Amino acid sequence: MEVNIRSRQTSKPAQYIVKECRKVLDSGLEHNLHIFVNSVEFIAK
């Protein structure tokens, strides 16, 4: 199937993911985030 890429360039990827996590949790959105990143340090951060 065709996949659309929503591209988000940022100098601080961790901070961007933090904001997305808080949006989902604080706004009560139905979405669940599945984040693929090959770094346990990044996840812990």
PDB file of all heavy atoms in Angstrom:
ATOM      1  N   MET A   1       0.836  -1.189   0.000  1.00  0.00           N
ATOM      2  CA  MET A   1       0.000   0.000   0.000  1.00  0.00           C
ATOM      3  C   MET A   1       0.872   1.240   0.000  1.00  0.00           C
ATOM      4  O   MET A   1       2.034   1.205   0.398  1.00  0.00           O
ATOM      5  CB  MET A   1      -0.921   0.013   1.224  1.00  0.00           C
ATOM      6  CG  MET A   1      -0.193   0.119   2.570  1.00  0.00           C
ATOM      7  SD  MET A   1      -1.335   0.114   3.958  1.00  0.00           S
ATOM      8  CE  MET A   1      -2.155   1.697   3.722  1.00  0.00           C
ATOM      9  N   GLU A   2       0.305   2.342  -0.494  1.00  0.00           N
ATOM     10  CA  GLU A   2       1.047   3.596  -0.499  1.00  0.00           C
ATOM     11  C   GLU A   2       1.146   4.156   0.911  1.00  0.00           C
ATOM     12  O   GLU A   2       0.180   4.141   1.662  1.00  0.00           O
ATOM     13  CB  GLU A   2       0.339   4.607  -1.396  1.00  0.00           C
ATOM     14  CG  GLU A   2       1.105   5.899  -1.577  1.00  0.00           C
ATOM     15  CD  GLU A   2       0.420   6.849  -2.540  1.00  0.00           C
ATOM     16  OE1 GLU A   2       0.685   6.761  -3.749  1.00  0.00           O
ATOM     17  OE2 GLU A   2      -0.386   7.674  -2.072  1.00  0.00           O
ATOM     18  N   VAL A   3       2.321   4.624   1.262  1.00  0.00           N
ATOM     19  CA  VAL A   3       2.543   5.189   2.595  1.00  0.00           C
ATOM     20  C   VAL A   3       2.910   6.664   2.452  1.00  0.00           C
ATOM     21  O   VAL A   3       3.800   7.015   1.687  1.00  0.00           O
ATOM     22  CB  VAL A   3       3.671   4.445   3.336  1.00  0.00           C
ATOM     23  CG1 VAL A   3       3.956   5.114   4.674  1.00  0.00           C
ATOM     24  CG2 VAL A   3       3.289   2.992   3.551  1.00  0.00           C
ATOM     25  N   ASN A   4       2.204   7.504   3.191  1.00  0.00           N
ATOM     26  CA  ASN A   4       2.513   8.932   3.209  1.00  0.00           C
ATOM     27  C   ASN A   4       3.451   9.226   4.375  1.00  0.00           C
ATOM     28  O   ASN A   4       3.189   8.808   5.501  1.00  0.00           O
ATOM     29  CB  ASN A   4       1.237   9.762   3.370  1.00  0.00           C
ATOM     30  CG  ASN A   4       0.313   9.619   2.174  1.00  0.00           C
ATOM     31  OD1 ASN A   4       0.774   9.426   1.051  1.00  0.00           O
ATOM     32  ND2 ASN A   4      -0.977   9.712   2.410  1.00  0.00           N
ATOM     33  N   ILE A   5       4.519   9.942   4.097  1.00  0.00           N
ATOM     34  CA  ILE A   5       5.484  10.295   5.134  1.00  0.00           C
ATOM     35  C   ILE A   5       5.235  11.726   5.577  1.00  0.00           C
ATOM     36  O   ILE A   5       5.257  12.653   4.763  1.00  0.00           O
ATOM     37  CB  ILE A   5       6.931  10.161   4.618  1.00  0.00           C
ATOM     38  CG1 ILE A   5       7.181   8.748   4.070  1.00  0.00           C
ATOM     39  CG2 ILE A   5       7.922  10.496   5.724  1.00  0.00           C
ATOM     40  CD1 ILE A   5       7.035   7.662   5.102  1.00  0.00           C
ATOM     41  N   ARG A   6       4.974  11.894   6.869  1.00  0.00           N
ATOM     42  CA  ARG A   6       4.866  13.236   7.445  1.00  0.00           C
ATOM     43  C   ARG A   6       6.241  13.566   8.012  1.00  0.00           C
ATOM     44  O   ARG A   6       6.621  13.081   9.071  1.00  0.00           O
ATOM     45  CB  ARG A   6       3.809  13.258   8.553  1.00  0.00           C
ATOM     46  CG  ARG A   6       2.465  12.721   8.123  1.00  0.00           C
ATOM     47  CD  ARG A   6       1.755  13.674   7.176  1.00  0.00           C
ATOM     48  NE  ARG A   6       0.440  13.168   6.801  1.00  0.00           N
ATOM     49  CZ  ARG A   6      -0.478  13.871   6.172  1.00  0.00           C
ATOM     50  NH1 ARG A   6      -0.223  15.112   5.832  1.00  0.00           N
ATOM     51  NH2 ARG A   6      -1.650  13.341   5.862  1.00  0.00           N
ATOM     52  N   SER A   7       6.993  14.351   7.290  1.00  0.00           N
ATOM     53  CA  SER A   7       8.384  14.587   7.636  1.00  0.00           C
ATOM     54  C   SER A   7       8.514  15.727   8.632  1.00  0.00           C
ATOM     55  O   SER A   7       7.977  16.811   8.422  1.00  0.00           O
ATOM     56  CB  SER A   7       9.165  14.911   6.364  1.00  0.00           C
ATOM     57  OG  SER A   7      10.513  15.128   6.638  1.00  0.00           O
ATOM     58  N   ARG A   8       9.255  15.472   9.721  1.00  0.00           N
ATOM     59  CA  ARG A   8       9.445  16.494  10.757  1.00  0.00           C
ATOM     60  C   ARG A   8      10.916  16.608  11.095  1.00  0.00           C
ATOM     61  O   ARG A   8      11.456  15.772  11.809  1.00  0.00           O
ATOM     62  CB  ARG A   8       8.625  16.147  11.999  1.00  0.00           C
ATOM     63  CG  ARG A   8       8.780  17.148  13.160  1.00  0.00           C
ATOM     64  CD  ARG A   8       8.430  18.560  12.734  1.00  0.00           C
ATOM     65  NE  ARG A   8       8.160  19.449  13.851  1.00  0.00           N
ATOM     66  CZ  ARG A   8       9.041  20.302  14.363  1.00  0.00           C
ATOM     67  NH1 ARG A   8      10.272  20.331  13.895  1.00  0.00           N
ATOM     68  NH2 ARG A   8       8.684  21.117  15.339  1.00  0.00           N
ATOM     69  N   GLN A   9      11.575  17.612  10.545  1.00  0.00           N
ATOM     70  CA  GLN A   9      12.980  17.835  10.853  1.00  0.00           C
ATOM     71  C   GLN A   9      13.077  18.740  12.067  1.00  0.00           C
ATOM     72  O   GLN A   9      12.367  19.726  12.181  1.00  0.00           O
ATOM     73  CB  GLN A   9      13.693  18.494   9.679  1.00  0.00           C
ATOM     74  CG  GLN A   9      15.184  18.672   9.916  1.00  0.00           C
ATOM     75  CD  GLN A   9      15.825  19.548   8.850  1.00  0.00           C
ATOM     76  OE1 GLN A   9      15.160  20.389   8.261  1.00  0.00           O
ATOM     77  NE2 GLN A   9      17.099  19.350   8.610  1.00  0.00           N
ATOM     78  N   THR A  10      13.948  18.380  12.988  1.00  0.00           N
ATOM     79  CA  THR A  10      14.139  19.185  14.186  1.00  0.00           C
ATOM     80  C   THR A  10      15.547  18.976  14.701  1.00  0.00           C
ATOM     81  O   THR A  10      16.112  17.893  14.554  1.00  0.00           O
ATOM     82  CB  THR A  10      13.131  18.801  15.292  1.00  0.00           C
ATOM     83  OG1 THR A  10      13.483  19.460  16.511  1.00  0.00           O
ATOM     84  CG2 THR A  10      13.094  17.299  15.526  1.00  0.00           C
ATOM     85  N   SER A  11      16.105  20.010  15.283  1.00  0.00           N
ATOM     86  CA  SER A  11      17.453  19.875  15.843  1.00  0.00           C
ATOM     87  C   SER A  11      17.441  19.107  17.153  1.00  0.00           C
ATOM     88  O   SER A  11      18.484  18.680  17.638  1.00  0.00           O
ATOM     89  CB  SER A  11      18.067  21.270  16.064  1.00  0.00           C
ATOM     90  OG  SER A  11      17.263  22.022  16.966  1.00  0.00           O
ATOM     91  N   LYS A  12      16.232  18.916  17.739  1.00  0.00           N
ATOM     92  CA  LYS A  12      16.116  18.231  19.024  1.00  0.00           C
ATOM     93  C   LYS A  12      15.008  17.179  18.963  1.00  0.00           C
ATOM     94  O   LYS A  12      13.888  17.405  19.426  1.00  0.00           O
ATOM     95  CB  LYS A  12      15.834  19.251  20.128  1.00  0.00           C
ATOM     96  CG  LYS A  12      16.941  20.282  20.290  1.00  0.00           C
ATOM     97  CD  LYS A  12      16.587  21.340  21.327  1.00  0.00           C
ATOM     98  CE  LYS A  12      17.707  22.361  21.468  1.00  0.00           C
ATOM     99  NZ  LYS A  12      17.362  23.427  22.444  1.00  0.00           N
ATOM    100  N   PRO A  13      15.313  16.008  18.379  1.00  0.00           N
ATOM    101  CA  PRO A  13      14.287  14.971  18.217  1.00  0.00           C
ATOM    102  C   PRO A  13      13.645  14.529  19.530  1.00  0.00           C
ATOM    103  O   PRO A  13      12.443  14.270  19.572  1.00  0.00           O
ATOM    104  CB  PRO A  13      15.062  13.810  17.563  1.00  0.00           C
ATOM    105  CG  PRO A  13      16.230  14.448  16.902  1.00  0.00           C
ATOM    106  CD  PRO A  13      16.603  15.603  17.781  1.00  0.00           C
ATOM    107  N   ALA A  14      14.434  14.428  20.595  1.00  0.00           N
ATOM    108  CA  ALA A  14      13.881  13.970  21.875  1.00  0.00           C
ATOM    109  C   ALA A  14      12.825  14.941  22.386  1.00  0.00           C
ATOM    110  O   ALA A  14      11.738  14.533  22.820  1.00  0.00           O
ATOM    111  CB  ALA A  14      14.999  13.811  22.911  1.00  0.00           C
ATOM    112  N   GLN A  15      13.116  16.237  22.327  1.00  0.00           N
ATOM    113  CA  GLN A  15      12.149  17.235  22.794  1.00  0.00           C
ATOM    114  C   GLN A  15      10.873  17.193  21.963  1.00  0.00           C
ATOM    115  O   GLN A  15       9.773  17.391  22.489  1.00  0.00           O
ATOM    116  CB  GLN A  15      12.761  18.642  22.735  1.00  0.00           C
ATOM    117  CG  GLN A  15      13.709  18.947  23.878  1.00  0.00           C
ATOM    118  CD  GLN A  15      15.135  18.522  23.571  1.00  0.00           C
ATOM    119  OE1 GLN A  15      15.350  17.547  22.847  1.00  0.00           O
ATOM    120  NE2 GLN A  15      16.106  19.235  24.111  1.00  0.00           N
ATOM    121  N   TYR A  16      11.019  16.939  20.664  1.00  0.00           N
ATOM    122  CA  TYR A  16       9.830  16.870  19.812  1.00  0.00           C
ATOM    123  C   TYR A  16       8.952  15.684  20.215  1.00  0.00           C
ATOM    124  O   TYR A  16       7.728  15.807  20.329  1.00  0.00           O
ATOM    125  CB  TYR A  16      10.234  16.735  18.341  1.00  0.00           C
ATOM    126  CG  TYR A  16       9.030  16.668  17.423  1.00  0.00           C
ATOM    127  CD1 TYR A  16       8.345  17.829  17.075  1.00  0.00           C
ATOM    128  CD2 TYR A  16       8.563  15.454  16.930  1.00  0.00           C
ATOM    129  CE1 TYR A  16       7.240  17.772  16.258  1.00  0.00           C
ATOM    130  CE2 TYR A  16       7.460  15.390  16.117  1.00  0.00           C
ATOM    131  CZ  TYR A  16       6.798  16.550  15.775  1.00  0.00           C
ATOM    132  OH  TYR A  16       5.691  16.487  14.970  1.00  0.00           O
ATOM    133  N   ILE A  17       9.568  14.526  20.443  1.00  0.00           N
ATOM    134  CA  ILE A  17       8.807  13.343  20.843  1.00  0.00           C
ATOM    135  C   ILE A  17       8.153  13.572  22.204  1.00  0.00           C
ATOM    136  O   ILE A  17       7.015  13.147  22.443  1.00  0.00           O
ATOM    137  CB  ILE A  17       9.721  12.099  20.872  1.00  0.00           C
ATOM    138  CG1 ILE A  17      10.170  11.740  19.448  1.00  0.00           C
ATOM    139  CG2 ILE A  17       9.011  10.911  21.507  1.00  0.00           C
ATOM    140  CD1 ILE A  17       9.050  11.350  18.507  1.00  0.00           C
ATOM    141  N   VAL A  18       8.850  14.250  23.099  1.00  0.00           N
ATOM    142  CA  VAL A  18       8.278  14.572  24.413  1.00  0.00           C
ATOM    143  C   VAL A  18       6.989  15.363  24.243  1.00  0.00           C
ATOM    144  O   VAL A  18       5.966  15.071  24.876  1.00  0.00           O
ATOM    145  CB  VAL A  18       9.294  15.372  25.267  1.00  0.00           C
ATOM    146  CG1 VAL A  18       8.600  15.984  26.487  1.00  0.00           C
ATOM    147  CG2 VAL A  18      10.438  14.473  25.715  1.00  0.00           C
ATOM    148  N   LYS A  19       7.006  16.364  23.371  1.00  0.00           N
ATOM    149  CA  LYS A  19       5.818  17.193  23.148  1.00  0.00           C
ATOM    150  C   LYS A  19       4.664  16.364  22.587  1.00  0.00           C
ATOM    151  O   LYS A  19       3.510  16.540  22.989  1.00  0.00           O
ATOM    152  CB  LYS A  19       6.163  18.338  22.186  1.00  0.00           C
ATOM    153  CG  LYS A  19       6.995  19.440  22.819  1.00  0.00           C
ATOM    154  CD  LYS A  19       7.570  20.393  21.800  1.00  0.00           C
ATOM    155  CE  LYS A  19       6.515  21.088  20.982  1.00  0.00           C
ATOM    156  NZ  LYS A  19       7.110  22.067  20.042  1.00  0.00           N
ATOM    157  N   GLU A  20       4.971  15.439  21.670  1.00  0.00           N
ATOM    158  CA  GLU A  20       3.917  14.602  21.096  1.00  0.00           C
ATOM    159  C   GLU A  20       3.320  13.667  22.155  1.00  0.00           C
ATOM    160  O   GLU A  20       2.103  13.447  22.191  1.00  0.00           O
ATOM    161  CB  GLU A  20       4.474  13.784  19.921  1.00  0.00           C
ATOM    162  CG  GLU A  20       4.985  14.628  18.763  1.00  0.00           C
ATOM    163  CD  GLU A  20       3.915  15.566  18.225  1.00  0.00           C
ATOM    164  OE1 GLU A  20       3.059  15.103  17.470  1.00  0.00           O
ATOM    165  OE2 GLU A  20       3.929  16.762  18.573  1.00  0.00           O
ATOM    166  N   CYS A  21       4.168  13.139  23.010  1.00  0.00           N
ATOM    167  CA  CYS A  21       3.691  12.274  24.091  1.00  0.00           C
ATOM    168  C   CYS A  21       2.751  13.043  25.021  1.00  0.00           C
ATOM    169  O   CYS A  21       1.674  12.553  25.396  1.00  0.00           O
ATOM    170  CB  CYS A  21       4.869  11.711  24.893  1.00  0.00           C
ATOM    171  SG  CYS A  21       5.909  10.518  24.003  1.00  0.00           S
ATOM    172  N   ARG A  22       3.151  14.241  25.396  1.00  0.00           N
ATOM    173  CA  ARG A  22       2.339  15.037  26.315  1.00  0.00           C
ATOM    174  C   ARG A  22       1.026  15.452  25.671  1.00  0.00           C
ATOM    175  O   ARG A  22      -0.016  15.528  26.333  1.00  0.00           O
ATOM    176  CB  ARG A  22       3.104  16.275  26.784  1.00  0.00           C
ATOM    177  CG  ARG A  22       4.280  16.037  27.717  1.00  0.00           C
ATOM    178  CD  ARG A  22       4.083  15.077  28.854  1.00  0.00           C
ATOM    179  NE  ARG A  22       2.779  15.134  29.511  1.00  0.00           N
ATOM    180  CZ  ARG A  22       2.406  14.277  30.447  1.00  0.00           C
ATOM    181  NH1 ARG A  22       3.219  13.282  30.821  1.00  0.00           N
ATOM    182  NH2 ARG A  22       1.231  14.375  31.018  1.00  0.00           N
ATOM    183  N   LYS A  23       1.027  15.727  24.354  1.00  0.00           N
ATOM    184  CA  LYS A  23      -0.219  16.086  23.663  1.00  0.00           C
ATOM    185  C   LYS A  23      -1.239  14.960  23.769  1.00  0.00           C
ATOM    186  O   LYS A  23      -2.411  15.179  24.060  1.00  0.00           O
ATOM    187  CB  LYS A  23       0.061  16.386  22.194  1.00  0.00           C
ATOM    188  CG  LYS A  23       0.706  17.727  21.923  1.00  0.00           C
ATOM    189  CD  LYS A  23       1.017  17.846  20.449  1.00  0.00           C
ATOM    190  CE  LYS A  23       1.894  19.054  20.156  1.00  0.00           C
ATOM    191  NZ  LYS A  23       2.324  19.091  18.753  1.00  0.00           N
ATOM    192  N   VAL A  24      -0.779  13.745  23.504  1.00  0.00           N
ATOM    193  CA  VAL A  24      -1.676  12.589  23.549  1.00  0.00           C
ATOM    194  C   VAL A  24      -2.224  12.384  24.959  1.00  0.00           C
ATOM    195  O   VAL A  24      -3.424  12.140  25.143  1.00  0.00           O
ATOM    196  CB  VAL A  24      -0.934  11.317  23.070  1.00  0.00           C
ATOM    197  CG1 VAL A  24      -1.746  10.076  23.380  1.00  0.00           C
ATOM    198  CG2 VAL A  24      -0.663  11.399  21.576  1.00  0.00           C
ATOM    199  N   LEU A  25      -1.344  12.492  25.937  1.00  0.00           N
ATOM    200  CA  LEU A  25      -1.752  12.228  27.319  1.00  0.00           C
ATOM    201  C   LEU A  25      -2.577  13.369  27.910  1.00  0.00           C
ATOM    202  O   LEU A  25      -3.606  13.139  28.549  1.00  0.00           O
ATOM    203  CB  LEU A  25      -0.508  11.993  28.179  1.00  0.00           C
ATOM    204  CG  LEU A  25       0.308  10.737  27.832  1.00  0.00           C
ATOM    205  CD1 LEU A  25       1.647  10.761  28.553  1.00  0.00           C
ATOM    206  CD2 LEU A  25      -0.459   9.478  28.185  1.00  0.00           C
ATOM    207  N   ASP A  26      -2.161  14.592  27.690  1.00  0.00           N
ATOM    208  CA  ASP A  26      -2.823  15.731  28.327  1.00  0.00           C
ATOM    209  C   ASP A  26      -4.139  16.105  27.661  1.00  0.00           C
ATOM    210  O   ASP A  26      -5.030  16.672  28.309  1.00  0.00           O
ATOM    211  CB  ASP A  26      -1.893  16.953  28.328  1.00  0.00           C
ATOM    212  CG  ASP A  26      -0.622  16.713  29.128  1.00  0.00           C
ATOM    213  OD1 ASP A  26      -0.625  15.800  29.971  1.00  0.00           O
ATOM    214  OD2 ASP A  26       0.376  17.432  28.898  1.00  0.00           O
ATOM    215  N   SER A  27      -4.262  15.812  26.367  1.00  0.00           N
ATOM    216  CA  SER A  27      -5.491  16.179  25.649  1.00  0.00           C
ATOM    217  C   SER A  27      -6.494  15.034  25.558  1.00  0.00           C
ATOM    218  O   SER A  27      -7.562  15.193  24.983  1.00  0.00           O
ATOM    219  CB  SER A  27      -5.134  16.666  24.230  1.00  0.00           C
ATOM    220  OG  SER A  27      -4.232  17.754  24.270  1.00  0.00           O
ATOM    221  N   GLY A  28      -6.120  13.878  26.103  1.00  0.00           N
ATOM    222  CA  GLY A  28      -7.035  12.737  26.071  1.00  0.00           C
ATOM    223  C   GLY A  28      -7.335  12.232  24.670  1.00  0.00           C
ATOM    224  O   GLY A  28      -8.439  11.748  24.394  1.00  0.00           O
ATOM    225  N   LEU A  29      -6.360  12.328  23.756  1.00  0.00           N
ATOM    226  CA  LEU A  29      -6.567  11.873  22.380  1.00  0.00           C
ATOM    227  C   LEU A  29      -6.622  10.351  22.325  1.00  0.00           C
ATOM    228  O   LEU A  29      -6.043   9.658  23.151  1.00  0.00           O
ATOM    229  CB  LEU A  29      -5.425  12.375  21.487  1.00  0.00           C
ATOM    230  CG  LEU A  29      -5.248  13.906  21.420  1.00  0.00           C
ATOM    231  CD1 LEU A  29      -4.049  14.253  20.537  1.00  0.00           C
ATOM    232  CD2 LEU A  29      -6.500  14.571  20.891  1.00  0.00           C
ATOM    233  N   GLU A  30      -7.329   9.842  21.316  1.00  0.00           N
ATOM    234  CA  GLU A  30      -7.483   8.389  21.183  1.00  0.00           C
ATOM    235  C   GLU A  30      -6.211   7.702  20.714  1.00  0.00           C
ATOM    236  O   GLU A  30      -6.038   6.496  20.888  1.00  0.00           O
ATOM    237  CB  GLU A  30      -8.601   8.080  20.170  1.00  0.00           C
ATOM    238  CG  GLU A  30      -8.270   8.475  18.743  1.00  0.00           C
ATOM    239  CD  GLU A  30      -9.237   7.926  17.717  1.00  0.00           C
ATOM    240  OE1 GLU A  30     -10.304   7.433  18.101  1.00  0.00           O
ATOM    241  OE2 GLU A  30      -8.909   7.976  16.514  1.00  0.00           O
ATOM    242  N   HIS A  31      -5.296   8.454  20.128  1.00  0.00           N
ATOM    243  CA  HIS A  31      -4.112   7.861  19.509  1.00  0.00           C
ATOM    244  C   HIS A  31      -3.146   7.269  20.532  1.00  0.00           C
ATOM    245  O   HIS A  31      -2.961   7.812  21.616  1.00  0.00           O
ATOM    246  CB  HIS A  31      -3.367   8.912  18.688  1.00  0.00           C
ATOM    247  CG  HIS A  31      -4.260   9.732  17.803  1.00  0.00           C
ATOM    248  ND1 HIS A  31      -4.711  10.977  18.154  1.00  0.00           N
ATOM    249  CD2 HIS A  31      -4.797   9.455  16.602  1.00  0.00           C
ATOM    250  CE1 HIS A  31      -5.490  11.447  17.200  1.00  0.00           C
ATOM    251  NE2 HIS A  31      -5.560  10.545  16.251  1.00  0.00           N
ATOM    252  N   ASN A  32      -2.553   6.150  20.144  1.00  0.00           N
ATOM    253  CA  ASN A  32      -1.451   5.552  20.897  1.00  0.00           C
ATOM    254  C   ASN A  32      -0.197   5.675  20.038  1.00  0.00           C
ATOM    255  O   ASN A  32      -0.220   5.329  18.854  1.00  0.00           O
ATOM    256  CB  ASN A  32      -1.726   4.074  21.199  1.00  0.00           C
ATOM    257  CG  ASN A  32      -3.004   3.887  21.993  1.00  0.00           C
ATOM    258  OD1 ASN A  32      -3.282   4.628  22.937  1.00  0.00           O
ATOM    259  ND2 ASN A  32      -3.799   2.894  21.620  1.00  0.00           N
ATOM    260  N   LEU A  33       0.868   6.154  20.612  1.00  0.00           N
ATOM    261  CA  LEU A  33       2.087   6.367  19.842  1.00  0.00           C
ATOM    262  C   LEU A  33       2.969   5.119  19.870  1.00  0.00           C
ATOM    263  O   LEU A  33       3.248   4.579  20.945  1.00  0.00           O
ATOM    264  CB  LEU A  33       2.869   7.563  20.395  1.00  0.00           C
ATOM    265  CG  LEU A  33       2.124   8.899  20.507  1.00  0.00           C
ATOM    266  CD1 LEU A  33       3.109  10.021  20.827  1.00  0.00           C
ATOM    267  CD2 LEU A  33       1.337   9.206  19.254  1.00  0.00           C
ATOM    268  N   HIS A  34       3.406   4.690  18.699  1.00  0.00           N
ATOM    269  CA  HIS A  34       4.334   3.566  18.570  1.00  0.00           C
ATOM    270  C   HIS A  34       5.608   4.141  17.962  1.00  0.00           C
ATOM    271  O   HIS A  34       5.662   4.446  16.765  1.00  0.00           O
ATOM    272  CB  HIS A  34       3.742   2.475  17.691  1.00  0.00           C
ATOM    273  CG  HIS A  34       2.563   1.796  18.323  1.00  0.00           C
ATOM    274  ND1 HIS A  34       2.644   0.561  18.934  1.00  0.00           N
ATOM    275  CD2 HIS A  34       1.274   2.206  18.465  1.00  0.00           C
ATOM    276  CE1 HIS A  34       1.444   0.226  19.411  1.00  0.00           C
ATOM    277  NE2 HIS A  34       0.596   1.215  19.136  1.00  0.00           N
ATOM    278  N   ILE A  35       6.625   4.291  18.808  1.00  0.00           N
ATOM    279  CA  ILE A  35       7.826   5.036  18.440  1.00  0.00           C
ATOM    280  C   ILE A  35       8.991   4.072  18.222  1.00  0.00           C
ATOM    281  O   ILE A  35       9.419   3.368  19.140  1.00  0.00           O
ATOM    282  CB  ILE A  35       8.183   6.057  19.541  1.00  0.00           C
ATOM    283  CG1 ILE A  35       6.984   7.003  19.773  1.00  0.00           C
ATOM    284  CG2 ILE A  35       9.436   6.844  19.174  1.00  0.00           C
ATOM    285  CD1 ILE A  35       7.044   7.758  21.081  1.00  0.00           C
ATOM    286  N   PHE A  36       9.500   4.037  16.997  1.00  0.00           N
ATOM    287  CA  PHE A  36      10.605   3.156  16.643  1.00  0.00           C
ATOM    288  C   PHE A  36      11.899   3.967  16.627  1.00  0.00           C
ATOM    289  O   PHE A  36      12.077   4.876  15.809  1.00  0.00           O
ATOM    290  CB  PHE A  36      10.363   2.527  15.263  1.00  0.00           C
ATOM    291  CG  PHE A  36       9.206   1.568  15.237  1.00  0.00           C
ATOM    292  CD1 PHE A  36       7.903   2.040  15.136  1.00  0.00           C
ATOM    293  CD2 PHE A  36       9.417   0.202  15.321  1.00  0.00           C
ATOM    294  CE1 PHE A  36       6.818   1.165  15.118  1.00  0.00           C
ATOM    295  CE2 PHE A  36       8.343  -0.688  15.299  1.00  0.00           C
ATOM    296  CZ  PHE A  36       7.045  -0.205  15.203  1.00  0.00           C
ATOM    297  N   VAL A  37      12.795   3.669  17.549  1.00  0.00           N
ATOM    298  CA  VAL A  37      14.074   4.380  17.624  1.00  0.00           C
ATOM    299  C   VAL A  37      15.107   3.424  18.201  1.00  0.00           C
ATOM    300  O   VAL A  37      14.889   2.818  19.248  1.00  0.00           O
ATOM    301  CB  VAL A  37      13.959   5.663  18.478  1.00  0.00           C
ATOM    302  CG1 VAL A  37      13.422   5.370  19.875  1.00  0.00           C
ATOM    303  CG2 VAL A  37      15.298   6.381  18.556  1.00  0.00           C
ATOM    304  N   ASN A  38      16.233   3.282  17.536  1.00  0.00           N
ATOM    305  CA  ASN A  38      17.224   2.285  17.946  1.00  0.00           C
ATOM    306  C   ASN A  38      18.199   2.841  18.978  1.00  0.00           C
ATOM    307  O   ASN A  38      19.408   2.883  18.767  1.00  0.00           O
ATOM    308  CB  ASN A  38      17.990   1.766  16.729  1.00  0.00           C
ATOM    309  CG  ASN A  38      18.772   0.516  17.062  1.00  0.00           C
ATOM    310  OD1 ASN A  38      18.353  -0.272  17.916  1.00  0.00           O
ATOM    311  ND2 ASN A  38      19.902   0.320  16.411  1.00  0.00           N
ATOM    312  N   SER A  39      17.653   3.278  20.113  1.00  0.00           N
ATOM    313  CA  SER A  39      18.503   3.806  21.177  1.00  0.00           C
ATOM    314  C   SER A  39      17.743   3.765  22.498  1.00  0.00           C
ATOM    315  O   SER A  39      16.776   4.509  22.684  1.00  0.00           O
ATOM    316  CB  SER A  39      18.936   5.247  20.868  1.00  0.00           C
ATOM    317  OG  SER A  39      19.590   5.816  21.988  1.00  0.00           O
ATOM    318  N   VAL A  40      18.201   2.913  23.408  1.00  0.00           N
ATOM    319  CA  VAL A  40      17.583   2.839  24.730  1.00  0.00           C
ATOM    320  C   VAL A  40      17.842   4.130  25.502  1.00  0.00           C
ATOM    321  O   VAL A  40      16.996   4.588  26.276  1.00  0.00           O
ATOM    322  CB  VAL A  40      18.103   1.614  25.509  1.00  0.00           C
ATOM    323  CG1 VAL A  40      17.503   1.563  26.914  1.00  0.00           C
ATOM    324  CG2 VAL A  40      17.768   0.326  24.761  1.00  0.00           C
ATOM    325  N   GLU A  41      19.018   4.737  25.286  1.00  0.00           N
ATOM    326  CA  GLU A  41      19.317   6.017  25.941  1.00  0.00           C
ATOM    327  C   GLU A  41      18.299   7.081  25.530  1.00  0.00           C
ATOM    328  O   GLU A  41      17.834   7.869  26.363  1.00  0.00           O
ATOM    329  CB  GLU A  41      20.727   6.495  25.572  1.00  0.00           C
ATOM    330  CG  GLU A  41      21.840   5.660  26.175  1.00  0.00           C
ATOM    331  CD  GLU A  41      22.295   4.554  25.228  1.00  0.00           C
ATOM    332  OE1 GLU A  41      21.512   4.213  24.293  1.00  0.00           O
ATOM    333  OE2 GLU A  41      23.402   4.028  25.433  1.00  0.00           O
ATOM    334  N   PHE A  42      17.948   7.104  24.256  1.00  0.00           N
ATOM    335  CA  PHE A  42      16.964   8.064  23.762  1.00  0.00           C
ATOM    336  C   PHE A  42      15.610   7.829  24.437  1.00  0.00           C
ATOM    337  O   PHE A  42      14.950   8.767  24.884  1.00  0.00           O
ATOM    338  CB  PHE A  42      16.827   7.915  22.240  1.00  0.00           C
ATOM    339  CG  PHE A  42      15.883   8.898  21.595  1.00  0.00           C
ATOM    340  CD1 PHE A  42      16.362  10.069  21.027  1.00  0.00           C
ATOM    341  CD2 PHE A  42      14.512   8.649  21.550  1.00  0.00           C
ATOM    342  CE1 PHE A  42      15.500  10.978  20.421  1.00  0.00           C
ATOM    343  CE2 PHE A  42      13.640   9.560  20.963  1.00  0.00           C
ATOM    344  CZ  PHE A  42      14.136  10.719  20.403  1.00  0.00           C
ATOM    345  N   ILE A  43      15.216   6.562  24.528  1.00  0.00           N
ATOM    346  CA  ILE A  43      13.935   6.212  25.150  1.00  0.00           C
ATOM    347  C   ILE A  43      13.916   6.649  26.613  1.00  0.00           C
ATOM    348  O   ILE A  43      12.944   7.249  27.087  1.00  0.00           O
ATOM    349  CB  ILE A  43      13.687   4.690  25.035  1.00  0.00           C
ATOM    350  CG1 ILE A  43      13.521   4.299  23.557  1.00  0.00           C
ATOM    351  CG2 ILE A  43      12.463   4.271  25.853  1.00  0.00           C
ATOM    352  CD1 ILE A  43      13.500   2.804  23.305  1.00  0.00           C
ATOM    353  N   ALA A  44      14.997   6.342  27.332  1.00  0.00           N
ATOM    354  CA  ALA A  44      15.077   6.717  28.745  1.00  0.00           C
ATOM    355  C   ALA A  44      15.010   8.234  28.911  1.00  0.00           C
ATOM    356  O   ALA A  44      14.372   8.740  29.845  1.00  0.00           O
ATOM    357  CB  ALA A  44      16.371   6.173  29.354  1.00  0.00           C
ATOM    358  N   LYS A  45      15.631   8.959  27.998  1.00  0.00           N
ATOM    359  CA  LYS A  45      15.623  10.424  28.054  1.00  0.00           C
ATOM    360  C   LYS A  45      14.207  10.966  27.867  1.00  0.00           C
ATOM    361  O   LYS A  45      13.772  11.869  28.596  1.00  0.00           O
ATOM    362  CB  LYS A  45      16.553  10.984  26.969  1.00  0.00           C
ATOM    363  CG  LYS A  45      16.666  12.497  26.967  1.00  0.00           C
ATOM    364  CD  LYS A  45      17.658  12.949  25.899  1.00  0.00           C
ATOM    365  CE  LYS A  45      17.805  14.469  25.885  1.00  0.00           C
ATOM    366  NZ  LYS A  45      18.763  14.913  24.832  1.00  0.00           N
TER     367      LYS A  45
END
